[in-house]
Protein backbone atom coordinates (compact mmCIF):
# COMPACT_ATOMS: atom_id res chain seq x y z
CA MET A 1 -75.66 122.94 -29.15
CA ARG A 2 -78.16 120.19 -28.29
CA LYS A 3 -75.84 117.54 -29.76
CA ILE A 4 -72.97 118.81 -27.62
CA LYS A 5 -75.11 118.65 -24.46
CA THR A 6 -76.27 115.14 -25.33
CA LEU A 7 -72.72 114.02 -26.04
CA PHE A 8 -71.48 115.60 -22.81
CA THR A 9 -74.26 113.90 -20.81
CA LEU A 10 -73.41 110.56 -22.42
CA LEU A 11 -69.72 110.99 -21.56
CA VAL A 12 -70.55 111.85 -17.95
CA VAL A 13 -72.78 108.77 -17.59
CA LEU A 14 -70.19 106.47 -19.20
CA SER A 15 -67.42 107.91 -17.03
CA ALA A 16 -69.52 107.34 -13.91
CA LEU A 17 -70.19 103.72 -14.91
CA LEU A 18 -66.53 103.05 -15.68
CA PHE A 19 -65.44 104.81 -12.49
CA ASN A 20 -67.85 102.73 -10.40
CA HIS A 21 -66.53 99.48 -11.81
CA ALA A 22 -62.92 100.58 -11.42
CA PHE A 23 -63.31 100.34 -7.67
CA ALA A 24 -65.14 97.01 -7.62
CA SER A 25 -63.47 93.66 -8.08
CA LYS A 26 -64.39 90.01 -7.78
CA LEU A 27 -63.16 88.03 -4.80
CA GLU A 28 -62.79 84.31 -4.21
CA GLY A 29 -62.32 82.07 -1.22
CA ALA A 30 -63.91 81.64 2.16
CA ALA A 31 -64.54 84.77 4.17
CA PRO A 32 -62.33 84.73 7.27
CA ASP A 33 -64.52 84.25 10.34
CA PHE A 34 -64.43 86.78 13.15
CA THR A 35 -66.17 87.77 16.35
CA LEU A 36 -66.36 91.42 17.41
CA ASP A 37 -68.07 93.44 20.11
CA SER A 38 -71.10 95.34 18.83
CA SER A 39 -72.79 98.60 19.75
CA SER A 40 -75.61 96.57 21.32
CA GLY A 41 -73.09 95.04 23.75
CA GLU A 42 -73.19 91.53 22.33
CA ASN A 43 -70.49 89.76 20.40
CA ILE A 44 -71.36 89.15 16.75
CA ARG A 45 -69.75 86.35 14.79
CA LEU A 46 -69.69 86.27 10.99
CA SER A 47 -70.28 82.50 10.83
CA ASP A 48 -73.60 82.98 12.63
CA HIS A 49 -74.80 84.56 9.36
CA LEU A 50 -74.16 81.56 7.08
CA GLY A 51 -77.16 81.23 4.80
CA GLU A 52 -77.45 85.00 4.43
CA VAL A 53 -75.92 87.43 1.98
CA VAL A 54 -73.62 89.56 4.12
CA MET A 55 -72.23 92.99 3.39
CA ILE A 56 -69.29 94.04 5.53
CA ASN A 57 -68.62 97.77 5.47
CA PHE A 58 -65.41 99.04 7.06
CA TRP A 59 -65.78 102.69 8.07
CA ALA A 60 -64.37 105.40 10.32
CA SER A 61 -65.90 108.50 11.90
CA TRP A 62 -63.23 110.74 10.32
CA CYS A 63 -64.02 109.47 6.80
CA GLY A 64 -66.21 111.88 4.84
CA PRO A 65 -67.29 109.33 2.20
CA CYS A 66 -68.19 106.91 5.01
CA ARG A 67 -70.53 109.51 6.48
CA GLN A 68 -72.02 110.12 3.05
CA GLU A 69 -72.76 106.47 2.33
CA MET A 70 -74.02 105.51 5.82
CA PRO A 71 -77.68 106.55 5.22
CA LEU A 72 -77.61 104.84 1.82
CA LEU A 73 -76.39 101.62 3.42
CA GLU A 74 -79.21 101.92 5.94
CA ASP A 75 -81.69 102.13 3.07
CA LEU A 76 -80.25 98.97 1.47
CA TYR A 77 -80.31 97.15 4.80
CA LYS A 78 -83.97 97.99 5.39
CA LYS A 79 -84.94 97.12 1.81
CA TYR A 80 -83.27 93.69 1.65
CA GLN A 81 -83.09 92.52 5.28
CA MET A 82 -86.24 90.41 4.99
CA MET A 83 -84.80 88.64 1.93
CA GLY A 84 -81.84 87.10 3.74
CA PHE A 85 -79.46 90.06 3.65
CA THR A 86 -77.53 91.52 6.54
CA LEU A 87 -75.05 94.35 6.83
CA LEU A 88 -72.27 94.50 9.40
CA GLY A 89 -70.72 97.94 9.84
CA ILE A 90 -67.15 97.55 11.10
CA ASN A 91 -65.86 100.70 12.74
CA VAL A 92 -62.07 101.09 12.81
CA ASP A 93 -61.76 104.13 15.09
CA GLU A 94 -59.28 103.65 17.92
CA GLU A 95 -61.67 105.50 20.24
CA ARG A 96 -65.12 103.92 20.29
CA GLU A 97 -66.61 107.23 21.49
CA ASN A 98 -65.88 108.79 18.09
CA ALA A 99 -67.98 106.16 16.35
CA GLU A 100 -70.77 106.42 18.90
CA SER A 101 -70.84 110.20 18.47
CA LEU A 102 -71.23 109.85 14.71
CA LEU A 103 -73.96 107.24 15.14
CA GLU A 104 -75.94 109.75 17.21
CA GLN A 105 -75.85 112.09 14.20
CA ILE A 106 -76.43 109.35 11.60
CA PRO A 107 -78.36 106.56 13.32
CA VAL A 108 -78.51 103.14 11.66
CA SER A 109 -80.36 99.95 12.53
CA PHE A 110 -77.80 97.50 11.15
CA PRO A 111 -75.24 96.05 13.58
CA ILE A 112 -72.15 98.15 14.25
CA LEU A 113 -69.05 96.23 15.34
CA PHE A 114 -65.79 97.64 16.67
CA ASP A 115 -62.28 96.89 15.40
CA PRO A 116 -60.22 99.45 17.38
CA ASP A 117 -56.89 97.70 16.80
CA SER A 118 -57.62 97.14 13.08
CA GLU A 119 -56.96 93.42 13.42
CA LEU A 120 -59.95 92.54 11.25
CA SER A 121 -59.05 95.30 8.81
CA ARG A 122 -55.62 93.71 8.37
CA LEU A 123 -57.13 90.23 8.02
CA TYR A 124 -59.40 91.52 5.22
CA LYS A 125 -56.56 93.62 3.73
CA VAL A 126 -58.51 96.88 3.92
CA LYS A 127 -56.58 99.61 2.11
CA ALA A 128 -59.24 102.32 1.68
CA MET A 129 -62.03 103.89 3.70
CA PRO A 130 -64.72 102.87 3.29
CA THR A 131 -64.26 99.33 2.05
CA THR A 132 -67.27 97.17 1.34
CA ILE A 133 -67.17 93.39 0.90
CA LEU A 134 -70.03 91.13 -0.14
CA ILE A 135 -70.19 87.52 1.01
CA ASP A 136 -72.57 84.94 -0.43
CA ARG A 137 -74.87 82.59 1.49
CA ASP A 138 -72.14 79.92 1.57
CA GLY A 139 -69.67 82.24 3.31
CA GLN A 140 -67.62 82.86 0.17
CA LEU A 141 -66.07 86.24 -0.61
CA ARG A 142 -67.60 87.60 -3.81
CA VAL A 143 -67.21 91.37 -4.35
CA LEU A 144 -64.89 94.07 -3.05
CA HIS A 145 -65.65 97.79 -3.36
CA LYS A 146 -62.92 100.27 -2.41
CA GLY A 147 -63.88 103.79 -1.40
CA TYR A 148 -67.18 105.47 -2.09
CA GLN A 149 -68.47 107.90 -4.70
CA PRO A 150 -72.11 108.87 -5.26
CA GLY A 151 -73.68 106.16 -7.36
CA PHE A 152 -71.74 103.24 -5.85
CA GLU A 153 -74.92 102.33 -3.97
CA ASP A 154 -76.50 101.37 -7.31
CA GLN A 155 -73.78 98.78 -7.86
CA TYR A 156 -74.11 97.59 -4.24
CA GLU A 157 -77.81 97.04 -4.84
CA ALA A 158 -77.21 95.17 -8.10
CA ASP A 159 -74.65 92.94 -6.36
CA ILE A 160 -76.98 92.29 -3.40
CA LYS A 161 -79.89 91.38 -5.67
CA ALA A 162 -77.72 89.01 -7.71
CA LEU A 163 -76.46 87.23 -4.61
CA ILE A 164 -79.93 86.98 -3.08
CA ARG A 165 -81.19 85.33 -6.30
CA GLU A 166 -78.46 82.65 -6.24
């Protein structure tokens, strides 16, 4: 019985690792620059963050996995912000009020930007919610994560650490 439990546990762990990597892929090329209105009222431009590792997270208020990962992203932002890491949360709701309502329930300190017409989402070819993209200090696209499942944050952290060390 113990061997069966151990084997089952091993299969679950391996499946989780394979599943996590199935939704991550390497990217290449320069990250398209953009400027969007933020929740603080100022316009934020991606190119202003050259020299930093940047995570862009596309999310929507109606997306359950987005809600689930939001506090975990906040933890990563707080942990690595002082090491040259920033996170830009890109909300794709057509109605900004929906995003603001969610942010009252799940407050975050990282910048939230608004893409109500999904122009930036199209530019970055976002096909799933949430979608997370990592950009290196030179403004180059490096990693794409589609969707979210518990445990993805471990891969996000590994990717962030690797890019910070470069």
